[in-house]
PDB file of N, CA and C in Angstrom:
ATOM      1  N   MET A   1     133.682 153.992 123.676  1.00  0.00           N
ATOM      2  CA  MET A   1     133.916 155.131 122.368  1.00  0.00           C
ATOM      3  C   MET A   1     134.977 154.423 121.233  1.00  0.00           C
ATOM      4  N   VAL A   2     136.002 154.009 121.638  1.00  0.00           N
ATOM      5  CA  VAL A   2     137.274 153.604 120.861  1.00  0.00           C
ATOM      6  C   VAL A   2     137.183 152.951 120.333  1.00  0.00           C
ATOM      7  N   ALA A   3     136.503 151.691 120.905  1.00  0.00           N
ATOM      8  CA  ALA A   3     136.124 150.524 120.032  1.00  0.00           C
ATOM      9  C   ALA A   3     135.084 150.380 118.972  1.00  0.00           C
ATOM     10  N   ARG A   4     134.058 151.486 119.165  1.00  0.00           N
ATOM     11  CA  ARG A   4     133.412 151.585 118.380  1.00  0.00           C
ATOM     12  C   ARG A   4     133.756 152.611 117.194  1.00  0.00           C
ATOM     13  N   LEU A   5     134.801 153.190 117.591  1.00  0.00           N
ATOM     14  CA  LEU A   5     135.250 153.951 116.482  1.00  0.00           C
ATOM     15  C   LEU A   5     136.031 152.970 115.706  1.00  0.00           C
ATOM     16  N   HIS A   6     136.694 152.286 116.207  1.00  0.00           N
ATOM     17  CA  HIS A   6     137.830 150.993 115.279  1.00  0.00           C
ATOM     18  C   HIS A   6     136.853 150.533 114.596  1.00  0.00           C
ATOM     19  N   ARG A   7     135.539 149.810 114.900  1.00  0.00           N
ATOM     20  CA  ARG A   7     134.408 148.832 114.120  1.00  0.00           C
ATOM     21  C   ARG A   7     134.349 149.953 112.845  1.00  0.00           C
ATOM     22  N   ALA A   8     134.129 151.406 113.309  1.00  0.00           N
ATOM     23  CA  ALA A   8     133.678 151.571 112.256  1.00  0.00           C
ATOM     24  C   ALA A   8     134.666 152.445 110.882  1.00  0.00           C
ATOM     25  N   HIS A   9     135.633 151.636 111.486  1.00  0.00           N
ATOM     26  CA  HIS A   9     137.247 152.365 110.873  1.00  0.00           C
ATOM     27  C   HIS A   9     137.274 150.976 109.884  1.00  0.00           C
ATOM     28  N   GLY A  10     136.163 150.041 110.116  1.00  0.00           N
ATOM     29  CA  GLY A  10     136.868 148.958 109.199  1.00  0.00           C
ATOM     30  C   GLY A  10     137.743 147.956 109.533  1.00  0.00           C
ATOM     31  N   ASP A  11     138.627 148.383 110.308  1.00  0.00           N
ATOM     32  CA  ASP A  11     139.849 147.818 110.614  1.00  0.00           C
ATOM     33  C   ASP A  11     139.763 146.375 111.436  1.00  0.00           C
ATOM     34  N   ALA A  12     139.566 145.002 111.075  1.00  0.00           N
ATOM     35  CA  ALA A  12     139.151 143.878 111.816  1.00  0.00           C
ATOM     36  C   ALA A  12     140.588 143.089 112.254  1.00  0.00           C
ATOM     37  N   SER A  13     141.761 143.603 111.685  1.00  0.00           N
ATOM     38  CA  SER A  13     142.840 142.980 112.693  1.00  0.00           C
ATOM     39  C   SER A  13     143.175 143.740 113.882  1.00  0.00           C
ATOM     40  N   THR A  14     143.630 142.683 114.687  1.00  0.00           N
ATOM     41  CA  THR A  14     143.814 142.995 116.351  1.00  0.00           C
ATOM     42  C   THR A  14     145.089 143.393 116.639  1.00  0.00           C
ATOM     43  N   THR A  15     146.128 142.877 115.528  1.00  0.00           N
ATOM     44  CA  THR A  15     147.792 142.351 115.751  1.00  0.00           C
ATOM     45  C   THR A  15     148.113 143.769 116.386  1.00  0.00           C
ATOM     46  N   ARG A  16     147.337 145.274 115.359  1.00  0.00           N
ATOM     47  CA  ARG A  16     148.306 146.414 115.636  1.00  0.00           C
ATOM     48  C   ARG A  16     147.274 147.100 117.046  1.00  0.00           C
ATOM     49  N   ASN A  17     146.701 146.689 117.523  1.00  0.00           N
ATOM     50  CA  ASN A  17     145.399 147.130 118.356  1.00  0.00           C
ATOM     51  C   ASN A  17     146.249 147.204 120.098  1.00  0.00           C
ATOM     52  N   ILE A  18     145.856 148.770 120.272  1.00  0.00           N
ATOM     53  CA  ILE A  18     146.269 149.075 121.661  1.00  0.00           C
ATOM     54  C   ILE A  18     145.797 148.662 122.365  1.00  0.00           C
ATOM     55  N   GLY A  19     146.194 147.986 123.292  1.00  0.00           N
ATOM     56  CA  GLY A  19     145.170 147.372 124.553  1.00  0.00           C
ATOM     57  C   GLY A  19     144.181 146.463 124.143  1.00  0.00           C
ATOM     58  N   MET A  20     144.731 145.930 122.816  1.00  0.00           N
ATOM     59  CA  MET A  20     143.513 145.092 122.231  1.00  0.00           C
ATOM     60  C   MET A  20     142.490 145.102 122.415  1.00  0.00           C
ATOM     61  N   VAL A  21     142.327 146.792 122.142  1.00  0.00           N
ATOM     62  CA  VAL A  21     140.628 147.469 121.459  1.00  0.00           C
ATOM     63  C   VAL A  21     140.959 148.233 120.549  1.00  0.00           C
ATOM     64  N   ALA A  22     141.743 149.039 120.214  1.00  0.00           N
ATOM     65  CA  ALA A  22     141.638 149.482 118.840  1.00  0.00           C
ATOM     66  C   ALA A  22     142.962 150.198 117.949  1.00  0.00           C
ATOM     67  N   CYS A  23     143.260 150.600 116.878  1.00  0.00           N
ATOM     68  CA  CYS A  23     144.309 151.136 116.478  1.00  0.00           C
ATOM     69  C   CYS A  23     144.688 152.080 117.022  1.00  0.00           C
ATOM     70  N   ALA A  24     145.751 152.563 116.670  1.00  0.00           N
ATOM     71  CA  ALA A  24     146.322 154.213 117.254  1.00  0.00           C
ATOM     72  C   ALA A  24     145.695 155.361 116.647  1.00  0.00           C
ATOM     73  N   GLN A  25     145.763 155.199 115.619  1.00  0.00           N
ATOM     74  CA  GLN A  25     144.443 156.166 114.866  1.00  0.00           C
ATOM     75  C   GLN A  25     143.336 155.985 115.734  1.00  0.00           C
ATOM     76  N   CYS A  26     142.419 155.098 115.647  1.00  0.00           N
ATOM     77  CA  CYS A  26     140.991 154.905 116.336  1.00  0.00           C
ATOM     78  C   CYS A  26     141.327 155.834 117.841  1.00  0.00           C
ATOM     79  N   TRP A  27     142.795 155.501 118.909  1.00  0.00           N
ATOM     80  CA  TRP A  27     142.519 155.877 119.912  1.00  0.00           C
ATOM     81  C   TRP A  27     143.089 157.527 120.152  1.00  0.00           C
ATOM     82  N   GLU A  28     143.689 158.196 119.299  1.00  0.00           N
ATOM     83  CA  GLU A  28     144.045 159.228 118.852  1.00  0.00           C
ATOM     84  C   GLU A  28     142.608 160.118 118.519  1.00  0.00           C
ATOM     85  N   GLN A  29     141.982 159.643 117.653  1.00  0.00           N
ATOM     86  CA  GLN A  29     140.811 160.074 117.257  1.00  0.00           C
ATOM     87  C   GLN A  29     139.801 160.479 118.669  1.00  0.00           C
ATOM     88  N   ALA A  30     139.787 159.285 119.833  1.00  0.00           N
ATOM     89  CA  ALA A  30     139.037 159.544 120.591  1.00  0.00           C
ATOM     90  C   ALA A  30     139.495 160.139 121.455  1.00  0.00           C
ATOM     91  N   ILE A  31     140.683 160.460 122.127  1.00  0.00           N
ATOM     92  CA  ILE A  31     141.455 161.038 123.102  1.00  0.00           C
ATOM     93  C   ILE A  31     141.053 162.756 122.439  1.00  0.00           C
ATOM     94  N   ARG A  32     141.500 162.904 121.367  1.00  0.00           N
ATOM     95  CA  ARG A  32     141.055 164.141 120.741  1.00  0.00           C
ATOM     96  C   ARG A  32     139.362 164.760 121.217  1.00  0.00           C
ATOM     97  N   ALA A  33     138.804 163.587 120.700  1.00  0.00           N
ATOM     98  CA  ALA A  33     137.080 164.122 120.872  1.00  0.00           C
ATOM     99  C   ALA A  33     137.159 164.233 122.276  1.00  0.00           C
ATOM    100  N   ASP A  34     137.595 163.218 123.281  1.00  0.00           N
ATOM    101  CA  ASP A  34     137.603 163.936 124.622  1.00  0.00           C
ATOM    102  C   ASP A  34     138.070 164.960 125.034  1.00  0.00           C
ATOM    103  N   GLU A  35     139.266 165.546 124.431  1.00  0.00           N
ATOM    104  CA  GLU A  35     139.779 166.580 125.128  1.00  0.00           C
ATOM    105  C   GLU A  35     138.963 167.831 124.273  1.00  0.00           C
ATOM    106  N   ARG A  36     138.210 167.647 123.068  1.00  0.00           N
ATOM    107  CA  ARG A  36     137.532 168.755 122.606  1.00  0.00           C
ATOM    108  C   ARG A  36     136.363 169.022 123.766  1.00  0.00           C
ATOM    109  N   LEU A  37     135.865 167.656 124.361  1.00  0.00           N
ATOM    110  CA  LEU A  37     134.282 167.940 124.830  1.00  0.00           C
ATOM    111  C   LEU A  37     135.227 168.519 126.415  1.00  0.00           C
ATOM    112  N   ALA A  38     136.396 168.384 127.156  1.00  0.00           N
ATOM    113  CA  ALA A  38     136.338 168.811 128.133  1.00  0.00           C
ATOM    114  C   ALA A  38     136.428 170.394 127.975  1.00  0.00           C
ATOM    115  N   VAL A  39     137.054 170.691 126.754  1.00  0.00           N
ATOM    116  CA  VAL A  39     137.561 172.279 126.284  1.00  0.00           C
ATOM    117  C   VAL A  39     135.823 173.026 126.314  1.00  0.00           C
ATOM    118  N   GLU A  40     134.745 172.386 125.506  1.00  0.00           N
ATOM    119  CA  GLU A  40     134.048 172.753 125.240  1.00  0.00           C
ATOM    120  C   GLU A  40     132.657 173.262 126.436  1.00  0.00           C
ATOM    121  N   PHE A  41     133.096 172.273 127.475  1.00  0.00           N
ATOM    122  CA  PHE A  41     132.307 172.535 128.645  1.00  0.00           C
ATOM    123  C   PHE A  41     132.896 172.483 129.720  1.00  0.00           C
ATOM    124  N   GLU A  42     133.923 173.329 129.481  1.00  0.00           N
ATOM    125  CA  GLU A  42     135.108 173.929 130.455  1.00  0.00           C
ATOM    126  C   GLU A  42     135.033 172.744 131.831  1.00  0.00           C
ATOM    127  N   LEU A  43     135.575 171.913 131.631  1.00  0.00           N
ATOM    128  CA  LEU A  43     135.682 170.661 132.686  1.00  0.00           C
ATOM    129  C   LEU A  43     137.061 170.218 133.300  1.00  0.00           C
ATOM    130  N   PRO A  44     136.872 170.755 134.580  1.00  0.00           N
ATOM    131  CA  PRO A  44     138.574 170.659 134.954  1.00  0.00           C
ATOM    132  C   PRO A  44     139.398 169.955 134.846  1.00  0.00           C
ATOM    133  N   ALA A  45     140.510 169.807 135.028  1.00  0.00           N
ATOM    134  CA  ALA A  45     141.716 169.000 134.669  1.00  0.00           C
ATOM    135  C   ALA A  45     141.693 167.443 135.593  1.00  0.00           C
ATOM    136  N   LEU A  46     141.758 166.622 135.037  1.00  0.00           N
ATOM    137  CA  LEU A  46     142.086 165.352 136.035  1.00  0.00           C
ATOM    138  C   LEU A  46     143.223 165.721 137.068  1.00  0.00           C
ATOM    139  N   ASP A  47     142.489 165.084 138.225  1.00  0.00           N
ATOM    140  CA  ASP A  47     144.027 164.933 138.988  1.00  0.00           C
ATOM    141  C   ASP A  47     144.152 163.565 139.604  1.00  0.00           C
ATOM    142  N   ILE A  48     145.254 163.181 138.486  1.00  0.00           N
ATOM    143  CA  ILE A  48     145.612 161.683 138.364  1.00  0.00           C
ATOM    144  C   ILE A  48     146.028 161.246 140.149  1.00  0.00           C
ATOM    145  N   ASP A  49     145.592 160.538 140.967  1.00  0.00           N
ATOM    146  CA  ASP A  49     146.191 159.866 142.456  1.00  0.00           C
ATOM    147  C   ASP A  49     147.340 158.752 141.599  1.00  0.00           C
ATOM    148  N   PRO A  50     148.283 159.377 142.315  1.00  0.00           N
ATOM    149  CA  PRO A  50     149.784 158.007 141.781  1.00  0.00           C
ATOM    150  C   PRO A  50     149.699 157.058 142.485  1.00  0.00           C
ATOM    151  N   ASP A  51     148.848 156.954 143.429  1.00  0.00           N
ATOM    152  CA  ASP A  51     148.890 155.994 144.199  1.00  0.00           C
ATOM    153  C   ASP A  51     147.670 154.672 144.276  1.00  0.00           C
ATOM    154  N   TYR A  52     146.607 155.658 142.828  1.00  0.00           N
ATOM    155  CA  TYR A  52     145.837 154.294 142.728  1.00  0.00           C
ATOM    156  C   TYR A  52     146.697 153.130 141.642  1.00  0.00           C
ATOM    157  N   VAL A  53     145.947 151.637 141.782  1.00  0.00           N
ATOM    158  CA  VAL A  53     146.465 150.568 141.399  1.00  0.00           C
ATOM    159  C   VAL A  53     145.018 150.241 140.574  1.00  0.00           C
ATOM    160  N   ASP A  54     145.581 149.774 139.396  1.00  0.00           N
ATOM    161  CA  ASP A  54     144.636 149.372 138.531  1.00  0.00           C
ATOM    162  C   ASP A  54     144.912 147.978 138.368  1.00  0.00           C
ATOM    163  N   THR A  55     143.904 146.957 139.183  1.00  0.00           N
ATOM    164  CA  THR A  55     143.987 145.452 139.521  1.00  0.00           C
ATOM    165  C   THR A  55     144.113 144.482 138.022  1.00  0.00           C
ATOM    166  N   VAL A  56     143.294 145.261 137.032  1.00  0.00           N
ATOM    167  CA  VAL A  56     143.147 144.468 136.068  1.00  0.00           C
ATOM    168  C   VAL A  56     144.866 144.402 135.227  1.00  0.00           C
ATOM    169  N   ALA A  57     145.489 145.297 135.365  1.00  0.00           N
ATOM    170  CA  ALA A  57     146.976 146.005 134.604  1.00  0.00           C
ATOM    171  C   ALA A  57     148.007 144.841 135.462  1.00  0.00           C
ATOM    172  N   VAL A  58     147.812 144.767 136.866  1.00  0.00           N
ATOM    173  CA  VAL A  58     148.633 144.131 137.864  1.00  0.00           C
ATOM    174  C   VAL A  58     148.849 142.712 137.788  1.00  0.00           C
ATOM    175  N   GLU A  59     146.673 141.894 137.414  1.00  0.00           N
ATOM    176  CA  GLU A  59     146.927 140.848 137.021  1.00  0.00           C
ATOM    177  C   GLU A  59     147.516 140.421 135.637  1.00  0.00           C
ATOM    178  N   ARG A  60     147.040 141.298 134.590  1.00  0.00           N
ATOM    179  CA  ARG A  60     148.023 140.817 133.410  1.00  0.00           C
ATOM    180  C   ARG A  60     149.490 140.952 133.104  1.00  0.00           C
ATOM    181  N   ALA A  61     149.866 141.477 134.211  1.00  0.00           N
ATOM    182  CA  ALA A  61     151.395 141.848 134.638  1.00  0.00           C
ATOM    183  C   ALA A  61     152.155 140.763 135.006  1.00  0.00           C
ATOM    184  N   CYS A  62     151.443 139.997 136.138  1.00  0.00           N
ATOM    185  CA  CYS A  62     151.415 138.869 136.733  1.00  0.00           C
ATOM    186  C   CYS A  62     151.822 137.750 136.141  1.00  0.00           C
ATOM    187  N   LYS A  63     151.061 137.698 135.053  1.00  0.00           N
ATOM    188  CA  LYS A  63     150.777 136.638 134.058  1.00  0.00           C
ATOM    189  C   LYS A  63     151.318 136.971 132.985  1.00  0.00           C
ATOM    190  N   SER A  64     152.500 137.723 133.440  1.00  0.00           N
ATOM    191  CA  SER A  64     153.260 137.932 132.057  1.00  0.00           C
ATOM    192  C   SER A  64     152.972 138.470 130.693  1.00  0.00           C
ATOM    193  N   ASP A  65     151.775 138.968 130.917  1.00  0.00           N
ATOM    194  CA  ASP A  65     151.113 139.961 129.781  1.00  0.00           C
ATOM    195  C   ASP A  65     151.344 141.031 129.881  1.00  0.00           C
ATOM    196  N   THR A  66     152.805 141.596 129.475  1.00  0.00           N
ATOM    197  CA  THR A  66     152.900 142.988 129.775  1.00  0.00           C
ATOM    198  C   THR A  66     153.028 143.522 128.076  1.00  0.00           C
ATOM    199  N   SER A  67     152.293 142.932 127.072  1.00  0.00           N
ATOM    200  CA  SER A  67     152.701 143.330 125.769  1.00  0.00           C
ATOM    201  C   SER A  67     151.729 144.940 125.948  1.00  0.00           C
ATOM    202  N   ALA A  68     150.688 145.083 126.391  1.00  0.00           N
ATOM    203  CA  ALA A  68     150.103 146.193 126.698  1.00  0.00           C
ATOM    204  C   ALA A  68     150.153 147.281 127.914  1.00  0.00           C
ATOM    205  N   VAL A  69     150.667 146.279 128.728  1.00  0.00           N
ATOM    206  CA  VAL A  69     151.016 146.936 130.304  1.00  0.00           C
ATOM    207  C   VAL A  69     151.883 147.794 130.336  1.00  0.00           C
ATOM    208  N   ARG A  70     151.408 148.711 130.927  1.00  0.00           N
ATOM    209  CA  ARG A  70     152.470 149.666 131.219  1.00  0.00           C
ATOM    210  C   ARG A  70     152.235 150.005 132.727  1.00  0.00           C
ATOM    211  N   LEU A  71     153.116 149.432 133.830  1.00  0.00           N
ATOM    212  CA  LEU A  71     152.572 149.872 135.032  1.00  0.00           C
ATOM    213  C   LEU A  71     153.372 150.963 135.519  1.00  0.00           C
ATOM    214  N   THR A  72     152.697 151.875 136.715  1.00  0.00           N
ATOM    215  CA  THR A  72     153.164 152.771 137.142  1.00  0.00           C
ATOM    216  C   THR A  72     153.563 152.227 138.840  1.00  0.00           C
ATOM    217  N   PRO A  73     154.389 153.283 139.057  1.00  0.00           N
ATOM    218  CA  PRO A  73     154.865 152.833 140.513  1.00  0.00           C
ATOM    219  C   PRO A  73     154.147 151.773 141.593  1.00  0.00           C
ATOM    220  N   ALA A  74     153.396 152.388 141.713  1.00  0.00           N
ATOM    221  CA  ALA A  74     152.316 152.099 142.597  1.00  0.00           C
ATOM    222  C   ALA A  74     151.899 150.749 142.066  1.00  0.00           C
ATOM    223  N   GLU A  75     151.687 150.427 140.977  1.00  0.00           N
ATOM    224  CA  GLU A  75     151.356 149.228 140.454  1.00  0.00           C
ATOM    225  C   GLU A  75     152.297 147.896 140.571  1.00  0.00           C
ATOM    226  N   ARG A  76     153.585 148.302 140.094  1.00  0.00           N
ATOM    227  CA  ARG A  76     154.737 147.707 140.411  1.00  0.00           C
ATOM    228  C   ARG A  76     155.020 147.165 141.593  1.00  0.00           C
ATOM    229  N   ARG A  77     154.789 147.768 142.675  1.00  0.00           N
ATOM    230  CA  ARG A  77     155.150 147.570 144.151  1.00  0.00           C
ATOM    231  C   ARG A  77     153.519 146.662 144.169  1.00  0.00           C
ATOM    232  N   THR A  78     152.583 146.418 144.028  1.00  0.00           N
ATOM    233  CA  THR A  78     151.503 145.621 144.362  1.00  0.00           C
ATOM    234  C   THR A  78     151.714 144.334 143.635  1.00  0.00           C
ATOM    235  N   ALA A  79     152.377 144.766 142.237  1.00  0.00           N
ATOM    236  CA  ALA A  79     152.777 143.352 141.640  1.00  0.00           C
ATOM    237  C   ALA A  79     153.964 142.290 141.776  1.00  0.00           C
ATOM    238  N   VAL A  80     154.499 143.525 142.720  1.00  0.00           N
ATOM    239  CA  VAL A  80     156.062 142.410 143.162  1.00  0.00           C
ATOM    240  C   VAL A  80     155.536 141.832 144.514  1.00  0.00           C
ATOM    241  N   ALA A  81     154.700 142.574 145.203  1.00  0.00           N
ATOM    242  CA  ALA A  81     154.027 141.722 146.296  1.00  0.00           C
ATOM    243  C   ALA A  81     153.387 141.060 146.165  1.00  0.00           C
ATOM    244  N   LYS A  82     152.462 140.442 145.024  1.00  0.00           N
ATOM    245  CA  LYS A  82     151.393 139.773 144.704  1.00  0.00           C
ATOM    246  C   LYS A  82     152.550 138.614 144.977  1.00  0.00           C
ATOM    247  N   LEU A  83     153.323 138.529 143.535  1.00  0.00           N
ATOM    248  CA  LEU A  83     154.096 137.770 143.092  1.00  0.00           C
ATOM    249  C   LEU A  83     155.331 137.133 144.291  1.00  0.00           C
ATOM    250  N   THR A  84     155.642 137.996 145.243  1.00  0.00           N
ATOM    251  CA  THR A  84     156.175 137.520 146.377  1.00  0.00           C
ATOM    252  C   THR A  84     155.261 136.729 147.437  1.00  0.00           C
ATOM    253  N   ALA A  85     154.735 137.116 147.395  1.00  0.00           N
ATOM    254  CA  ALA A  85     153.481 136.378 148.446  1.00  0.00           C
ATOM    255  C   ALA A  85     152.917 135.087 147.839  1.00  0.00           C
ATOM    256  N   GLN A  86     152.920 134.752 146.587  1.00  0.00           N
ATOM    257  CA  GLN A  86     152.932 133.337 145.452  1.00  0.00           C
ATOM    258  C   GLN A  86     154.168 132.867 145.979  1.00  0.00           C
ATOM    259  N   GLY A  87     155.259 133.238 146.394  1.00  0.00           N
ATOM    260  CA  GLY A  87     156.551 132.534 146.780  1.00  0.00           C
ATOM    261  C   GLY A  87     157.513 132.282 145.298  1.00  0.00           C
ATOM    262  N   LEU A  88     157.337 133.346 144.647  1.00  0.00           N
ATOM    263  CA  LEU A  88     158.003 133.346 143.165  1.00  0.00           C
ATOM    264  C   LEU A  88     159.554 134.221 143.932  1.00  0.00           C
ATOM    265  N   THR A  89     160.322 133.541 143.323  1.00  0.00           N
ATOM    266  CA  THR A  89     161.711 133.963 143.719  1.00  0.00           C
ATOM    267  C   THR A  89     162.096 135.201 142.841  1.00  0.00           C
ATOM    268  N   LEU A  90     163.230 136.002 143.212  1.00  0.00           N
ATOM    269  CA  LEU A  90     163.605 137.344 142.807  1.00  0.00           C
ATOM    270  C   LEU A  90     163.528 137.017 141.131  1.00  0.00           C
ATOM    271  N   ASN A  91     164.304 135.932 140.468  1.00  0.00           N
ATOM    272  CA  ASN A  91     164.805 135.998 139.320  1.00  0.00           C
ATOM    273  C   ASN A  91     162.856 135.956 138.368  1.00  0.00           C
ATOM    274  N   GLN A  92     162.249 134.765 139.142  1.00  0.00           N
ATOM    275  CA  GLN A  92     160.999 134.691 138.354  1.00  0.00           C
ATOM    276  C   GLN A  92     160.531 135.599 138.133  1.00  0.00           C
ATOM    277  N   ILE A  93     160.074 136.624 139.579  1.00  0.00           N
ATOM    278  CA  ILE A  93     159.563 138.064 139.543  1.00  0.00           C
ATOM    279  C   ILE A  93     160.274 138.826 138.336  1.00  0.00           C
ATOM    280  N   CYS A  94     161.501 139.089 138.520  1.00  0.00           N
ATOM    281  CA  CYS A  94     161.890 139.791 137.198  1.00  0.00           C
ATOM    282  C   CYS A  94     161.767 139.355 136.053  1.00  0.00           C
ATOM    283  N   ARG A  95     161.686 138.412 135.677  1.00  0.00           N
ATOM    284  CA  ARG A  95     161.110 137.710 134.025  1.00  0.00           C
ATOM    285  C   ARG A  95     159.862 138.283 133.916  1.00  0.00           C
ATOM    286  N   ARG A  96     158.992 137.680 135.237  1.00  0.00           N
ATOM    287  CA  ARG A  96     157.528 138.081 134.653  1.00  0.00           C
ATOM    288  C   ARG A  96     156.990 139.134 134.736  1.00  0.00           C
ATOM    289  N   LEU A  97     157.852 140.298 135.192  1.00  0.00           N
ATOM    290  CA  LEU A  97     157.114 141.409 135.272  1.00  0.00           C
ATOM    291  C   LEU A  97     158.301 142.395 134.475  1.00  0.00           C
ATOM    292  N   ARG A  98     159.281 141.835 133.556  1.00  0.00           N
ATOM    293  CA  ARG A  98     160.358 142.285 133.071  1.00  0.00           C
ATOM    294  C   ARG A  98     160.778 143.329 133.210  1.00  0.00           C
ATOM    295  N   ILE A  99     161.189 143.192 134.575  1.00  0.00           N
ATOM    296  CA  ILE A  99     161.543 144.490 135.183  1.00  0.00           C
ATOM    297  C   ILE A  99     163.198 143.901 135.902  1.00  0.00           C
ATOM    298  N   ALA A 100     164.249 145.118 135.956  1.00  0.00           N
ATOM    299  CA  ALA A 100     165.392 144.789 136.840  1.00  0.00           C
ATOM    300  C   ALA A 100     165.319 144.152 138.024  1.00  0.00           C
ATOM    301  N   SER A 101     166.526 143.263 138.290  1.00  0.00           N
ATOM    302  CA  SER A 101     166.291 142.804 139.491  1.00  0.00           C
ATOM    303  C   SER A 101     166.759 143.686 141.137  1.00  0.00           C
ATOM    304  N   ARG A 102     167.222 144.928 140.429  1.00  0.00           N
ATOM    305  CA  ARG A 102     167.608 145.988 141.370  1.00  0.00           C
ATOM    306  C   ARG A 102     166.355 146.881 141.542  1.00  0.00           C
ATOM    307  N   ASP A 103     165.581 146.489 140.730  1.00  0.00           N
ATOM    308  CA  ASP A 103     164.257 147.285 141.028  1.00  0.00           C
ATOM    309  C   ASP A 103     163.279 146.754 142.133  1.00  0.00           C
ATOM    310  N   VAL A 104     163.293 144.995 141.906  1.00  0.00           N
ATOM    311  CA  VAL A 104     162.453 144.278 142.613  1.00  0.00           C
ATOM    312  C   VAL A 104     163.106 144.693 143.625  1.00  0.00           C
ATOM    313  N   ARG A 105     164.402 144.275 143.967  1.00  0.00           N
ATOM    314  CA  ARG A 105     165.086 144.508 145.148  1.00  0.00           C
ATOM    315  C   ARG A 105     164.510 145.417 146.399  1.00  0.00           C
ATOM    316  N   SER A 106     164.649 146.652 145.403  1.00  0.00           N
ATOM    317  CA  SER A 106     164.424 148.043 145.888  1.00  0.00           C
ATOM    318  C   SER A 106     162.921 148.172 146.056  1.00  0.00           C
ATOM    319  N   ILE A 107     161.742 146.965 145.652  1.00  0.00           N
ATOM    320  CA  ILE A 107     160.515 147.268 146.016  1.00  0.00           C
ATOM    321  C   ILE A 107     160.441 146.653 147.558  1.00  0.00           C
ATOM    322  N   GLN A 108     161.030 145.038 147.289  1.00  0.00           N
ATOM    323  CA  GLN A 108     161.125 144.180 148.513  1.00  0.00           C
ATOM    324  C   GLN A 108     161.922 145.172 149.666  1.00  0.00           C
ATOM    325  N   GLY A 109     162.881 145.430 149.622  1.00  0.00           N
ATOM    326  CA  GLY A 109     163.973 146.046 150.428  1.00  0.00           C
ATOM    327  C   GLY A 109     163.194 146.845 151.864  1.00  0.00           C
ATOM    328  N   GLY A 110     164.025 147.136 152.595  1.00  0.00           N
ATOM    329  CA  GLY A 110     163.793 147.678 153.999  1.00  0.00           C
ATOM    330  C   GLY A 110     162.956 149.512 153.367  1.00  0.00           C
ATOM    331  N   GLY A 111     162.937 150.384 154.444  1.00  0.00           N
ATOM    332  CA  GLY A 111     162.637 151.354 154.695  1.00  0.00           C
ATOM    333  C   GLY A 111     161.065 151.264 153.959  1.00  0.00           C
ATOM    334  N   ARG A 112     160.907 152.658 153.613  1.00  0.00           N
ATOM    335  CA  ARG A 112     159.461 152.574 153.033  1.00  0.00           C
ATOM    336  C   ARG A 112     158.718 152.182 152.361  1.00  0.00           C
ATOM    337  N   SER A 113     159.926 151.690 150.956  1.00  0.00           N
ATOM    338  CA  SER A 113     159.611 151.016 149.451  1.00  0.00           C
ATOM    339  C   SER A 113     159.195 149.152 150.445  1.00  0.00           C
ATOM    340  N   GLY A 114     159.934 149.010 151.428  1.00  0.00           N
ATOM    341  CA  GLY A 114     159.598 147.656 152.306  1.00  0.00           C
ATOM    342  C   GLY A 114     158.199 147.768 153.026  1.00  0.00           C
ATOM    343  N   GLN A 115     157.927 148.668 153.606  1.00  0.00           N
ATOM    344  CA  GLN A 115     156.536 149.110 154.217  1.00  0.00           C
ATOM    345  C   GLN A 115     155.750 148.826 153.460  1.00  0.00           C
ATOM    346  N   SER A 116     155.991 149.621 152.449  1.00  0.00           N
ATOM    347  CA  SER A 116     154.540 149.669 151.190  1.00  0.00           C
ATOM    348  C   SER A 116     154.593 147.929 150.592  1.00  0.00           C
ATOM    349  N   LEU A 117     155.836 147.096 150.231  1.00  0.00           N
ATOM    350  CA  LEU A 117     155.566 145.937 150.245  1.00  0.00           C
ATOM    351  C   LEU A 117     154.303 145.386 151.147  1.00  0.00           C
ATOM    352  N   ARG A 118     155.253 145.091 152.343  1.00  0.00           N
ATOM    353  CA  ARG A 118     154.176 144.326 153.818  1.00  0.00           C
ATOM    354  C   ARG A 118     152.781 144.961 153.187  1.00  0.00           C
ATOM    355  N   LEU A 119     152.109 146.144 152.938  1.00  0.00           N
ATOM    356  CA  LEU A 119     151.041 146.780 153.090  1.00  0.00           C
ATOM    357  C   LEU A 119     150.234 146.009 151.741  1.00  0.00           C
ATOM    358  N   ALA A 120     150.965 146.342 150.932  1.00  0.00           N
ATOM    359  CA  ALA A 120     150.809 145.595 149.836  1.00  0.00           C
ATOM    360  C   ALA A 120     150.056 143.876 149.388  1.00  0.00           C
ATOM    361  N   ILE A 121     151.571 143.044 150.256  1.00  0.00           N
ATOM    362  CA  ILE A 121     151.384 141.817 150.680  1.00  0.00           C
ATOM    363  C   ILE A 121     149.760 141.546 151.290  1.00  0.00           C
ATOM    364  N   ARG A 122     149.494 142.571 151.905  1.00  0.00           N
ATOM    365  CA  ARG A 122     148.596 142.595 153.241  1.00  0.00           C
ATOM    366  C   ARG A 122     147.364 142.257 152.342  1.00  0.00           C
ATOM    367  N   HIS A 123     147.050 142.997 151.657  1.00  0.00           N
ATOM    368  CA  HIS A 123     146.083 143.929 150.398  1.00  0.00           C
ATOM    369  C   HIS A 123     145.871 142.993 149.463  1.00  0.00           C
ATOM    370  N   SER A 124     146.553 142.395 148.810  1.00  0.00           N
ATOM    371  CA  SER A 124     146.608 141.525 148.083  1.00  0.00           C
ATOM    372  C   SER A 124     146.086 140.179 148.555  1.00  0.00           C
ATOM    373  N   LYS A 125     146.154 139.811 150.091  1.00  0.00           N
ATOM    374  CA  LYS A 125     145.747 138.700 150.908  1.00  0.00           C
ATOM    375  C   LYS A 125     144.567 138.814 151.138  1.00  0.00           C
ATOM    376  N   ALA A 126     144.036 140.187 151.365  1.00  0.00           N
ATOM    377  CA  ALA A 126     142.662 140.530 151.817  1.00  0.00           C
ATOM    378  C   ALA A 126     141.998 140.477 150.506  1.00  0.00           C
ATOM    379  N   VAL A 127     142.040 141.034 149.381  1.00  0.00           N
ATOM    380  CA  VAL A 127     141.437 140.901 148.374  1.00  0.00           C
ATOM    381  C   VAL A 127     141.089 139.522 147.322  1.00  0.00           C
ATOM    382  N   ALA A 128     141.888 138.668 147.916  1.00  0.00           N
ATOM    383  CA  ALA A 128     141.847 137.211 147.686  1.00  0.00           C
ATOM    384  C   ALA A 128     140.834 136.438 148.494  1.00  0.00           C
ATOM    385  N   ARG A 129     140.350 136.933 149.608  1.00  0.00           N
ATOM    386  CA  ARG A 129     139.659 136.354 150.375  1.00  0.00           C
ATOM    387  C   ARG A 129     138.241 136.304 149.876  1.00  0.00           C
TER     388      ARG A 129
END
């Protein structure tokens, strides 16, 4: 819907597009239309799963395309796991994902986050097969 709104808006430039789809004005219009629809039809509020991983966002971040990608903590763990499994160093991962080394170390470290990293590495290898 937002791409259609943007085309109708007539702004052919893509330099200011959010997510390489549409300008902020068109995104705002689409979001407000969705909200009106939800209210009109009494739709329940979305229950967002904090462990959901957008694999496209992770792929883009792993390729250093973080211009329009903001990773959730679960996605960040998955990206670090993927890059760790590829053999990248701590500094390479930090530069690629544009995150602090303490955050990468925390994800790679022991405890619960370390367990999450090991599971994410196994998952990324299984998906790659």
